[in-house]
Protein backbone atom coordinates (compact mmCIF):
# COMPACT_ATOMS: atom_id res chain seq x y z
CA MET A 1 143.44 67.52 109.12
CA GLY A 2 139.74 68.38 110.01
CA LEU A 3 141.00 70.42 113.01
CA GLU A 4 143.36 72.43 111.06
CA PHE A 5 140.55 73.19 108.35
CA ARG A 6 138.23 74.45 111.02
CA GLN A 7 140.92 76.62 112.60
CA MET A 8 141.76 78.05 109.17
CA ALA A 9 138.11 78.77 108.64
CA LYS A 10 137.75 80.56 111.92
CA ILE A 11 140.84 82.65 110.97
CA LYS A 12 139.41 83.50 107.60
CA LEU A 13 136.05 84.49 109.17
CA ALA A 14 137.88 86.78 111.69
CA LEU A 15 140.10 88.37 109.00
CA LYS A 16 136.81 89.04 107.14
CA LEU A 17 135.14 90.71 110.00
CA ILE A 18 138.32 92.84 110.82
CA LEU A 19 138.46 94.01 107.23
CA LEU A 20 134.71 94.80 106.98
CA LEU A 21 134.90 96.81 110.35
CA SER A 22 138.09 98.52 109.29
CA LEU A 23 136.37 99.59 105.90
CA LEU A 24 133.11 100.72 107.78
CA GLY A 25 135.16 102.74 110.23
CA SER A 26 136.69 104.79 107.41
CA MET A 27 133.21 105.93 106.04
CA THR A 28 132.04 109.41 107.04
CA THR A 29 129.16 107.96 109.13
CA PRO A 30 128.76 107.20 112.96
CA ALA A 31 131.30 104.93 114.71
CA ALA A 32 130.59 101.34 113.85
CA ALA A 33 129.13 99.22 116.65
CA ALA A 34 129.79 95.39 117.08
CA PRO A 35 128.20 93.26 114.29
CA ASP A 36 125.58 92.05 116.62
CA GLU A 37 124.21 95.48 117.26
CA VAL A 38 122.61 96.04 113.63
CA LYS A 39 120.11 98.92 113.90
CA TRP A 40 117.65 100.46 111.55
CA SER A 41 116.30 104.06 111.22
CA GLY A 42 112.75 104.83 110.29
CA VAL A 43 112.08 107.43 107.59
CA ASN A 44 109.23 109.93 107.38
CA LEU A 45 106.65 108.40 109.53
CA PRO A 46 103.76 110.95 110.25
CA THR A 47 100.39 109.78 111.14
CA GLU A 48 99.20 109.97 107.39
CA GLY A 49 100.12 110.96 104.06
CA LYS A 50 99.64 114.20 102.38
CA PRO A 51 98.60 115.04 98.82
CA GLY A 52 101.21 115.79 96.37
CA ASP A 53 104.16 114.38 98.51
CA TRP A 54 102.96 111.22 99.96
CA VAL A 55 104.95 109.59 102.70
CA LEU A 56 104.52 106.09 104.11
CA ALA A 57 102.60 106.55 107.30
CA SER A 58 102.72 104.13 110.24
CA GLY A 59 100.51 101.35 109.80
CA SER A 60 100.35 101.54 105.93
CA ASP A 61 101.40 97.87 105.50
CA VAL A 62 104.49 98.37 103.36
CA GLN A 63 105.19 95.38 101.30
CA HIS A 64 106.90 94.16 98.01
CA LEU A 65 109.85 96.58 98.22
CA THR A 66 111.69 96.64 94.85
CA ILE A 67 114.63 98.88 93.63
CA ALA A 68 114.99 99.95 90.07
CA ILE A 69 118.32 100.19 88.24
CA ASP A 70 118.60 103.92 88.91
CA GLY A 71 117.99 103.45 92.65
CA SER A 72 114.28 104.45 92.57
CA LEU A 73 112.26 102.46 95.22
CA TYR A 74 108.66 101.03 94.65
CA CYS A 75 106.54 99.36 97.09
CA TYR A 76 102.91 98.54 97.93
CA ALA A 77 101.58 100.65 100.74
CA ASN A 78 97.95 101.68 101.94
CA PRO A 79 98.25 104.88 103.78
CA SER A 80 95.06 106.68 104.90
CA GLY A 81 93.52 109.22 102.57
CA THR A 82 94.30 107.58 99.25
CA SER A 83 93.09 104.61 97.27
CA TYR A 84 96.47 104.25 95.52
CA THR A 85 98.57 101.18 96.45
CA LEU A 86 101.81 101.55 94.56
CA PHE A 87 104.19 104.25 95.64
CA LYS A 88 107.45 105.56 94.32
CA SER A 89 110.58 107.21 95.88
CA ILE A 90 113.45 108.72 94.16
CA ASP A 91 115.35 110.01 97.15
CA GLY A 92 116.02 106.78 99.19
CA GLY A 93 112.54 106.79 100.85
CA TYR A 94 112.60 110.17 102.36
CA SER A 95 109.51 111.27 100.25
CA TRP A 96 107.20 109.18 98.19
CA SER A 97 104.64 109.82 95.49
CA TYR A 98 101.80 107.64 94.39
CA THR A 99 101.68 106.09 90.84
CA ASP A 100 98.71 105.65 88.68
CA TYR A 101 98.03 102.03 90.13
CA ASP A 102 95.28 101.44 92.75
CA GLN A 103 94.69 97.66 92.68
CA ALA A 104 96.04 94.64 94.89
CA ILE A 105 99.79 93.85 94.61
CA VAL A 106 100.95 90.42 94.86
CA ALA A 107 104.26 90.64 92.77
CA LEU A 108 106.20 93.52 91.48
CA VAL A 109 109.39 93.50 89.33
CA SER A 110 111.49 96.37 87.77
CA SER A 111 113.23 96.06 84.35
CA SER A 112 116.97 95.25 84.21
CA ILE A 113 117.55 97.35 81.28
CA ASP A 114 115.08 100.47 81.63
CA ALA A 115 114.53 102.17 84.83
CA ASP A 116 111.17 103.54 83.75
CA ILE A 117 109.71 100.22 83.12
CA ILE A 118 107.95 98.09 85.77
CA TYR A 119 105.67 95.10 85.90
CA VAL A 120 102.88 94.46 88.57
CA SER A 121 100.31 91.77 89.16
CA ASP A 122 97.17 91.85 91.28
CA GLY A 123 97.02 88.09 91.27
CA SER A 124 94.68 87.92 88.27
CA ASN A 125 96.45 90.12 85.69
CA VAL A 126 99.78 91.67 84.71
CA TYR A 127 100.13 95.46 84.20
CA LYS A 128 103.07 97.37 82.79
CA SER A 129 104.31 100.94 83.12
CA ASP A 130 106.87 102.28 80.70
CA ASP A 131 107.02 105.79 82.29
CA GLY A 132 107.98 105.05 85.87
CA GLY A 133 104.53 104.45 87.31
CA ASP A 134 102.81 107.66 85.69
CA SER A 135 100.50 105.16 83.78
CA PHE A 136 99.70 101.47 83.44
CA ASP A 137 98.43 99.30 80.99
CA GLU A 138 97.25 95.50 81.11
CA LEU A 139 99.94 93.57 79.54
CA ALA A 140 98.63 91.77 76.37
CA ALA A 141 95.07 92.78 77.35
CA GLY A 142 92.71 89.81 77.62
CA SER A 143 95.44 87.24 76.81
CA LEU A 144 95.33 85.61 80.40
CA GLU A 145 91.57 84.78 79.57
CA ALA A 146 92.73 81.85 77.63
CA LEU A 147 94.47 80.17 80.68
CA ASP A 148 91.00 80.22 82.24
CA PHE A 149 92.23 80.86 85.89
CA ALA A 150 88.61 81.21 87.00
CA THR A 151 88.11 77.55 86.07
CA THR A 152 91.61 76.26 87.41
CA GLY A 153 91.54 78.38 90.60
CA GLU A 154 95.09 79.54 89.89
CA GLU A 155 96.38 82.80 91.14
CA ILE A 156 99.44 84.65 90.11
CA THR A 157 102.12 84.48 92.87
CA CYS A 158 105.23 85.66 91.32
CA LEU A 159 106.51 87.75 88.29
CA ALA A 160 109.81 87.99 86.50
CA VAL A 161 111.19 89.49 83.09
CA GLY A 162 114.16 88.60 81.04
CA TYR A 163 115.54 90.08 77.94
CA VAL A 164 116.76 88.61 74.54
CA ASP A 165 118.21 91.19 72.27
CA ASP A 166 116.46 93.87 74.49
CA GLU A 167 113.13 92.22 73.84
CA PRO A 168 111.28 91.49 76.97
CA TYR A 169 109.74 87.99 78.10
CA VAL A 170 107.61 88.09 81.04
CA PHE A 171 107.11 85.14 83.22
CA ILE A 172 104.53 84.43 85.92
CA GLY A 173 104.04 81.69 88.47
CA THR A 174 100.76 80.52 89.71
CA ALA A 175 99.41 78.56 92.53
CA ASN A 176 96.12 76.67 93.65
CA GLU A 177 97.12 74.72 96.70
CA THR A 178 94.74 71.87 95.61
CA ALA A 179 95.37 71.22 92.04
CA GLY A 180 98.59 72.95 91.25
CA GLY A 181 99.77 75.96 89.40
CA GLY A 182 102.00 76.57 86.57
CA VAL A 183 104.74 78.70 84.95
CA TYR A 184 103.79 80.79 81.76
CA HIS A 185 105.62 83.26 79.64
CA ILE A 186 104.70 85.85 76.98
CA GLN A 187 106.81 87.92 74.65
CA ASP A 188 106.08 91.58 75.42
CA ILE A 189 105.81 93.02 71.99
CA ALA A 190 103.24 95.25 70.31
CA PHE A 191 101.55 92.26 68.39
CA GLY A 192 102.66 89.34 70.33
CA GLY A 193 100.74 85.97 70.98
CA GLY A 194 99.24 84.50 74.04
CA TRP A 195 100.86 83.06 77.08
CA THR A 196 102.72 79.75 76.77
CA ASP A 197 102.51 76.99 79.41
CA LEU A 198 106.04 75.80 80.19
CA ASP A 199 104.58 72.86 81.78
CA VAL A 200 106.39 72.86 85.09
CA GLY A 201 104.25 69.98 86.47
CA ASN A 202 101.58 69.59 89.05
CA TYR A 203 103.25 72.29 91.39
CA ASP A 204 102.42 75.41 92.99
CA VAL A 205 104.83 78.14 91.97
CA TYR A 206 106.02 80.70 94.68
CA SER A 207 109.14 82.33 93.10
CA ILE A 208 110.53 82.64 89.61
CA ALA A 209 113.34 84.32 87.76
CA GLY A 210 115.51 84.34 84.77
CA SER A 211 119.06 83.79 85.08
CA PRO A 212 121.47 86.81 84.80
CA ASN A 213 122.49 85.18 81.50
CA PHE A 214 118.96 84.86 80.22
CA ALA A 215 119.84 86.53 76.91
CA THR A 216 122.09 83.62 76.06
CA ASP A 217 121.07 80.70 78.10
CA TYR A 218 117.33 81.08 78.30
CA GLN A 219 117.34 79.76 81.78
CA ILE A 220 114.32 80.00 83.93
CA MET A 221 114.35 79.00 87.59
CA ALA A 222 111.40 78.68 89.88
CA VAL A 223 110.71 77.48 93.61
CA VAL A 224 107.68 75.06 93.69
CA THR A 225 105.79 72.65 95.92
CA ASP A 226 103.40 69.76 95.48
CA GLN A 227 102.25 70.31 99.00
CA VAL A 228 104.40 67.44 100.27
CA HIS A 229 107.83 68.35 98.56
CA SER A 230 109.45 71.47 97.81
CA TYR A 231 111.93 72.09 94.97
CA ALA A 232 114.22 74.53 93.24
CA THR A 233 113.68 73.85 89.50
CA TYR A 234 115.17 75.05 86.35
CA ASN A 235 114.67 74.95 82.64
CA TYR A 236 116.80 75.92 79.67
CA GLY A 237 113.87 77.23 77.52
CA VAL A 238 112.41 73.72 76.45
CA ILE A 239 108.81 73.08 77.42
CA SER A 240 108.41 70.30 80.21
CA GLU A 241 112.19 69.63 80.52
CA TRP A 242 112.47 70.96 84.07
CA THR A 243 115.29 69.70 86.58
CA ARG A 244 114.33 69.66 90.19
CA VAL A 245 116.61 69.93 93.22
CA GLU A 246 114.61 69.13 96.41
CA LEU A 247 114.75 71.59 99.48
CA LEU A 248 114.81 69.75 102.75
CA ASP A 249 114.04 71.24 106.26
CA ALA A 250 116.48 71.39 109.20
CA SER A 251 115.91 67.62 109.80
CA ASP A 252 116.59 66.79 106.18
CA THR A 253 113.07 65.94 105.59
CA SER A 254 110.46 67.08 102.76
CA PHE A 255 108.20 69.99 103.54
CA ALA A 256 105.80 72.18 101.65
CA ILE A 257 106.50 75.80 101.28
CA THR A 258 103.59 78.46 101.49
CA ALA A 259 105.77 81.39 100.06
CA ALA A 260 109.38 82.09 98.93
CA SER A 261 111.69 85.01 98.54
CA ASN A 262 113.02 86.44 95.29
CA LEU A 263 115.87 84.45 93.74
CA CYS A 264 119.17 86.06 94.26
CA PHE A 265 122.30 85.56 92.19
CA PRO A 266 125.99 86.08 92.93
CA SER A 267 127.79 88.52 90.51
CA ASP A 268 129.93 85.66 89.25
CA PHE A 269 126.74 83.35 88.35
CA ASN A 270 128.02 82.66 84.95
CA GLN A 271 130.80 80.71 86.37
CA THR A 272 129.25 79.13 89.53
CA HIS A 273 125.64 78.64 88.39
CA GLU A 274 124.56 78.94 92.13
CA TRP A 275 121.68 80.97 93.32
CA PHE A 276 120.07 81.62 96.73
CA VAL A 277 116.49 81.66 98.02
CA GLY A 278 114.53 82.25 101.23
CA ALA A 279 111.51 79.71 102.06
CA VAL A 280 108.34 80.02 104.16
CA GLY A 281 107.08 76.66 105.57
CA GLY A 282 108.42 73.81 107.49
CA ASP A 283 111.23 75.23 109.62
CA GLY A 284 111.58 78.01 107.01
CA GLY A 285 115.19 78.90 105.98
CA ILE A 286 117.68 80.08 103.44
CA TYR A 287 118.99 77.86 100.71
CA ARG A 288 122.10 77.77 98.53
CA VAL A 289 121.22 75.90 95.27
CA ASP A 290 123.29 74.55 92.27
CA GLU A 291 122.13 72.53 89.42
CA ASP A 292 122.47 69.30 91.41
CA ASN A 293 122.10 70.13 95.17
CA SER A 294 120.68 72.40 97.74
CA PHE A 295 122.24 73.33 101.12
CA ARG A 296 120.14 74.81 103.77
CA PHE A 297 121.97 77.51 106.14
CA ASP A 298 121.61 77.09 109.80
CA ILE A 299 118.81 79.71 110.10
CA ASP A 300 115.34 78.41 111.34
CA THR A 301 112.78 80.94 110.56
CA ASP A 302 110.46 81.74 107.69
CA ILE A 303 112.21 84.03 105.29
CA VAL A 304 110.02 86.04 102.86
CA SER A 305 112.65 88.33 101.27
CA LEU A 306 116.31 88.01 100.44
CA ASP A 307 118.99 90.05 98.77
CA LEU A 308 122.82 89.98 98.31
CA VAL A 309 125.77 91.55 96.84
CA GLY A 310 129.15 90.29 95.82
CA GLU A 311 130.52 87.07 94.32
CA LEU A 312 130.85 83.73 95.92
CA GLY A 313 133.60 83.84 98.47
CA ASN A 314 132.65 87.38 99.26
CA LEU A 315 129.09 87.57 99.49
CA GLN A 316 126.96 89.80 101.76
CA LEU A 317 123.29 88.97 102.34
CA LEU A 318 120.20 90.38 104.06
CA ALA A 319 117.00 88.48 104.70
CA GLY A 320 113.73 89.46 105.96
CA GLU A 321 111.39 87.30 108.26
CA ASN A 322 108.02 86.44 107.24
CA ASN A 323 106.42 86.61 110.55
CA ASN A 324 108.14 89.42 112.33
CA ALA A 325 109.92 92.72 111.75
CA GLU A 326 113.35 91.16 111.86
CA VAL A 327 116.25 91.32 109.49
CA TRP A 328 119.06 88.82 109.45
CA TYR A 329 122.40 89.38 107.90
CA SER A 330 125.56 87.47 106.84
CA ILE A 331 128.98 88.77 105.73
CA ASP A 332 130.49 85.38 104.79
CA ASP A 333 128.36 83.74 102.06
CA GLY A 334 125.76 82.77 104.43
CA ASP A 335 127.99 80.53 106.61
CA SER A 336 127.01 82.47 109.52
CA TRP A 337 123.93 84.68 110.35
CA ASP A 338 123.09 87.35 113.04
CA SER A 339 119.87 89.07 113.72
CA THR A 340 119.47 92.79 114.06
CA ALA A 341 119.64 93.98 117.67
CA LYS A 342 117.23 96.72 116.83
CA ALA A 343 114.65 95.59 114.46
CA PRO A 344 112.54 97.78 112.00
CA SER A 345 109.38 98.85 113.70
CA GLY A 346 106.15 97.02 112.76
CA SER A 347 105.60 93.23 112.15
CA GLY A 348 106.15 90.82 109.23
CA PRO A 349 106.41 90.13 106.46
CA THR A 350 109.61 92.23 106.31
CA TYR A 351 111.01 93.13 102.84
CA VAL A 352 114.74 94.06 102.38
CA VAL A 353 116.74 95.37 99.53
CA MET A 354 120.23 96.34 99.21
CA THR A 355 121.62 98.90 96.67
CA ASP A 356 124.06 97.65 94.08
CA ASP A 357 126.95 99.50 95.84
CA PHE A 358 126.06 98.17 99.27
CA ALA A 359 129.68 96.83 99.80
CA ASP A 360 130.87 100.43 99.53
CA SER A 361 127.97 102.56 100.46
CA GLY A 362 126.36 100.46 103.19
CA LYS A 363 122.87 101.44 102.05
CA ALA A 364 120.02 99.09 102.47
CA TYR A 365 116.22 99.25 103.04
CA ALA A 366 113.50 97.45 104.78
CA ALA A 367 109.62 97.55 104.75
CA THR A 368 107.26 96.21 107.36
CA SER A 369 103.62 95.50 107.87
CA GLY A 370 100.98 95.80 110.52
CA SER A 371 100.76 98.25 113.36
CA GLU A 372 103.66 100.71 113.23
CA SER A 373 104.68 99.33 109.89
CA ALA A 374 107.33 101.39 108.30
CA PHE A 375 109.91 101.96 105.76
CA SER A 376 113.47 101.95 107.37
CA HIS A 377 116.93 102.31 105.95
CA THR A 378 120.68 102.00 106.98
CA GLU A 379 123.53 103.93 105.36
CA ASP A 380 126.44 102.23 107.05
CA ALA A 381 125.79 98.54 106.45
CA GLY A 382 123.41 98.52 109.39
CA LEU A 383 126.37 98.73 111.92
CA SER A 384 125.14 101.75 113.75
CA GLN A 385 121.75 103.69 114.36
CA LEU A 386 121.34 106.69 112.21
């Protein structure tokens, strides 16, 4: 019986590969190469930016790549000749413009209902733009002072926004590394109150998200550590009532994360209640989590970014390494992974995002840091060089 199951699994994977490659071959793009030859193409990489039409120059340390619901791209960058740090592209990265933001960036999130709304944090405060980055205001100005991060030593590490009846609820996660951080939220309304501590416990928080069904289930998920153990934890809108699922390394032992990717959800999350996250620390890795268990995929490297499209049973995933300019991909729900034969230029951390129509268009983007850091893209699922 076990042998028959393994044989059927191999046949199923082979059929998936044949189907994917046949679909890619029908696109009006270069001929598809073998899956182990994934390549990326750099976009607009002169030695420095130019006024009025900024491009991301080599060595700009491109990070925190984020895609809005209209396809606009946002990222942190530091090209020579400007003090601005948040850049925007509306043409798939071929040209970039600076936004009215010039501070550090530790977290960046775009609205799920309005393409012009983005939130960004410099580690101490949260700022909001409702005009696509033309201007920014501090969210609930002065409200974080009540949390007294100067005394607690906490710094904001992650950021999320969920909506109930189109009203935004903003969440932050914090870390201290010695005394623990927290999860806090505020309702983003004109005359709202202060931030509420959701009492996640004595944990540093490195990733946070509202569920795709947040409007009805009020579910918040986070990835946390107490410097010995690491957990995926979730809460259905009740202060302190968090449920924890431990993340274990390749040896099935506890470890402490130092960073985590964004949380990713299959399109059928409302039926499966499963999500995915990448981790930095221990052996690193990628985890599939449900409300009771976590499963670590067979990929032993620190993963700082993760994205996926599709529903369970038909998921395609991309993952970016923390320490190298390397992208990993899976076309079978994460059961098997391959790294790219030609990685994006630069070094880690590597941030990846996929377009919503990736399954049809094959469009995805990657951003890297360090010497020769760059913004790169693929338009055929990464199966040939552009």
